Amino acid sequence: MRQKKVRAMAAEILNCSRKDVWFDPKQADKVKGVMTREDVRGLVKEKVIMKSRGNSQSRARARVQQAKRKKGRKSGLGKRKGTRKARSEKKPRWMISVRSQRKMLRRLRKENPKAVSKSGYRRLYKRIKGGYFKGKNYLKAVVEGKND
């Protein structure tokens, strides 16, 4: 069978383009002797016909850049897009704020138990969880009764 036909059949079997089909030049006579699709499948199994690996884009330079970024390079003002708030992840930021507010609430309860019990420790704790307070100072102001 003509090589063109074999190439087309092999491309269908290997699920690739005709350009990507590779024949072993040492076994060209085997390829010429092919008659059916089953024969082509056999040659694919024998690795006489294979799918050639295309040239992919090199990642060498990207890896070098990545290593530099890991070290902390390439993060100057010129590389930044977005505010500091936008560049940081939300959850860790929330965790830091909540933990500091909870620590403040415990400290306030220890220092001034009357003020905290008046506004209700649990109520304040739940408000912290819900993101009610902007920060520690606002929490302190609420406990002291300056604003609610």
Protein backbone atom coordinates (compact mmCIF):
# COMPACT_ATOMS: atom_id res chain seq x y z
CA MET A 1 0.00 0.00 0.00
CA ARG A 2 1.16 3.54 -0.69
CA GLN A 3 2.88 5.27 2.19
CA LYS A 4 0.43 8.19 2.01
CA LYS A 5 -2.51 5.86 2.72
CA VAL A 6 -0.67 4.10 5.54
CA ARG A 7 0.21 7.46 7.08
CA ALA A 8 -3.46 8.55 6.94
CA MET A 9 -4.62 5.30 8.57
CA ALA A 10 -1.91 5.51 11.25
CA ALA A 11 -2.88 9.11 12.00
CA GLU A 12 -6.48 8.01 12.62
CA ILE A 13 -5.38 5.13 14.83
CA LEU A 14 -2.86 7.21 16.81
CA ASN A 15 -5.32 10.10 16.97
CA CYS A 16 -2.88 12.70 15.70
CA SER A 17 -2.08 14.66 12.56
CA ARG A 18 -0.51 13.01 9.50
CA LYS A 19 2.60 15.13 10.04
CA ASP A 20 3.09 13.59 13.49
CA VAL A 21 3.23 9.99 12.25
CA TRP A 22 6.76 8.52 12.22
CA PHE A 23 7.85 5.42 10.34
CA ASP A 24 11.00 3.49 11.29
CA PRO A 25 13.24 4.00 8.22
CA LYS A 26 15.01 0.65 8.83
CA GLN A 27 11.71 -1.21 8.42
CA ALA A 28 10.29 0.63 5.41
CA ASP A 29 9.55 -2.64 3.63
CA LYS A 30 7.19 -3.67 6.47
CA VAL A 31 5.29 -0.39 6.04
CA LYS A 32 4.99 -0.97 2.29
CA GLY A 33 3.64 -4.48 2.89
CA VAL A 34 0.69 -3.24 4.95
CA MET A 35 -2.75 -4.06 3.55
CA THR A 36 -5.32 -3.51 6.31
CA ARG A 37 -6.01 -1.34 9.31
CA GLU A 38 -5.24 -4.34 11.52
CA ASP A 39 -1.75 -4.54 9.99
CA VAL A 40 -1.19 -0.87 10.81
CA ARG A 41 -2.29 -1.52 14.43
CA GLY A 42 0.22 -4.38 14.57
CA LEU A 43 3.04 -2.12 13.38
CA VAL A 44 2.03 0.47 15.97
CA LYS A 45 2.29 -2.25 18.62
CA GLU A 46 5.72 -3.26 17.27
CA LYS A 47 6.75 0.43 17.35
CA VAL A 48 7.51 0.50 13.63
CA ILE A 49 4.93 3.28 13.35
CA MET A 50 4.86 5.86 16.15
CA LYS A 51 3.54 9.25 17.05
CA SER A 52 6.45 11.70 16.96
CA ARG A 53 6.73 14.06 19.91
CA GLY A 54 6.23 17.63 18.82
CA ASN A 55 8.55 20.41 19.91
CA SER A 56 7.03 21.98 22.98
CA GLN A 57 8.01 25.34 24.41
CA SER A 58 11.06 25.16 26.64
CA ARG A 59 10.43 25.76 30.36
CA ALA A 60 14.12 26.23 31.21
CA ARG A 61 13.94 30.03 31.46
CA ALA A 62 10.64 29.84 33.32
CA ARG A 63 12.21 27.52 35.91
CA VAL A 64 15.09 29.93 36.45
CA GLN A 65 12.62 32.80 36.96
CA GLN A 66 10.57 30.68 39.37
CA ALA A 67 13.66 29.85 41.44
CA LYS A 68 14.52 33.55 41.66
CA ARG A 69 10.98 34.40 42.75
CA LYS A 70 11.18 31.68 45.42
CA LYS A 71 14.28 33.41 46.77
CA GLY A 72 12.32 36.66 46.93
CA ARG A 73 13.67 38.37 43.81
CA LYS A 74 11.54 39.86 41.03
CA SER A 75 8.96 41.33 43.41
CA GLY A 76 9.84 45.02 43.31
CA LEU A 77 7.42 47.88 42.78
CA GLY A 78 7.65 47.57 39.01
CA LYS A 79 6.40 43.98 39.08
CA ARG A 80 3.34 44.67 41.22
CA LYS A 81 -0.21 45.04 39.97
CA GLY A 82 -2.94 45.61 42.50
CA THR A 83 -2.92 46.93 46.04
CA ARG A 84 -1.32 45.14 48.97
CA LYS A 85 -4.79 44.06 50.03
CA ALA A 86 -5.53 42.61 46.59
CA ARG A 87 -2.18 40.79 46.41
CA SER A 88 -2.57 39.02 49.75
CA GLU A 89 -4.91 36.08 50.23
CA LYS A 90 -8.16 36.78 52.02
CA LYS A 91 -8.30 33.85 54.41
CA PRO A 92 -4.89 34.28 56.09
CA ARG A 93 -5.60 38.00 56.41
CA TRP A 94 -8.97 37.22 58.05
CA MET A 95 -7.36 34.66 60.37
CA ILE A 96 -4.75 37.15 61.58
CA SER A 97 -7.39 39.79 62.25
CA VAL A 98 -9.78 37.39 64.05
CA ARG A 99 -7.02 35.90 66.19
CA SER A 100 -5.77 39.30 67.28
CA GLN A 101 -9.33 40.44 68.12
CA ARG A 102 -10.00 37.28 70.14
CA LYS A 103 -6.74 37.77 72.03
CA MET A 104 -7.79 41.38 72.72
CA LEU A 105 -11.23 40.23 73.94
CA ARG A 106 -9.61 37.77 76.38
CA ARG A 107 -7.31 40.51 77.63
CA LEU A 108 -10.22 42.93 78.08
CA ARG A 109 -12.19 40.28 79.99
CA LYS A 110 -9.23 39.72 82.28
CA GLU A 111 -8.63 43.46 82.85
CA ASN A 112 -12.24 44.63 83.09
CA PRO A 113 -14.66 41.72 83.64
CA LYS A 114 -17.63 44.01 84.38
CA ALA A 115 -17.43 45.83 81.04
CA VAL A 116 -17.13 42.58 79.06
CA SER A 117 -19.89 40.78 80.97
CA LYS A 118 -22.14 43.81 80.44
CA SER A 119 -21.79 43.60 76.65
CA GLY A 120 -21.66 39.78 76.77
CA TYR A 121 -18.49 37.85 76.05
CA ARG A 122 -20.25 35.30 73.80
CA ARG A 123 -22.05 38.02 71.86
CA LEU A 124 -18.77 39.84 71.23
CA TYR A 125 -17.03 36.58 70.31
CA LYS A 126 -19.70 35.78 67.72
CA ARG A 127 -19.49 39.32 66.36
CA ILE A 128 -15.74 38.91 65.92
CA LYS A 129 -16.36 35.69 64.00
CA GLY A 130 -18.92 37.46 61.81
CA GLY A 131 -16.46 40.24 60.94
CA TYR A 132 -18.40 42.93 62.76
CA PHE A 133 -15.33 44.76 64.07
CA LYS A 134 -12.87 46.55 61.79
CA GLY A 135 -10.04 46.00 64.23
CA LYS A 136 -8.95 45.76 67.85
CA ASN A 137 -9.51 49.44 68.62
CA TYR A 138 -13.11 49.26 67.44
CA LEU A 139 -13.68 46.19 69.63
CA LYS A 140 -12.16 48.04 72.59
CA ALA A 141 -14.44 51.04 71.96
CA VAL A 142 -17.54 48.79 71.90
CA VAL A 143 -16.55 47.07 75.15
CA GLU A 144 -15.91 50.42 76.85
CA GLY A 145 -19.33 51.58 75.64
CA LYS A 146 -18.15 54.41 73.39
CA ASN A 147 -20.07 53.11 70.37
CA ASP A 148 -22.26 50.09 69.65
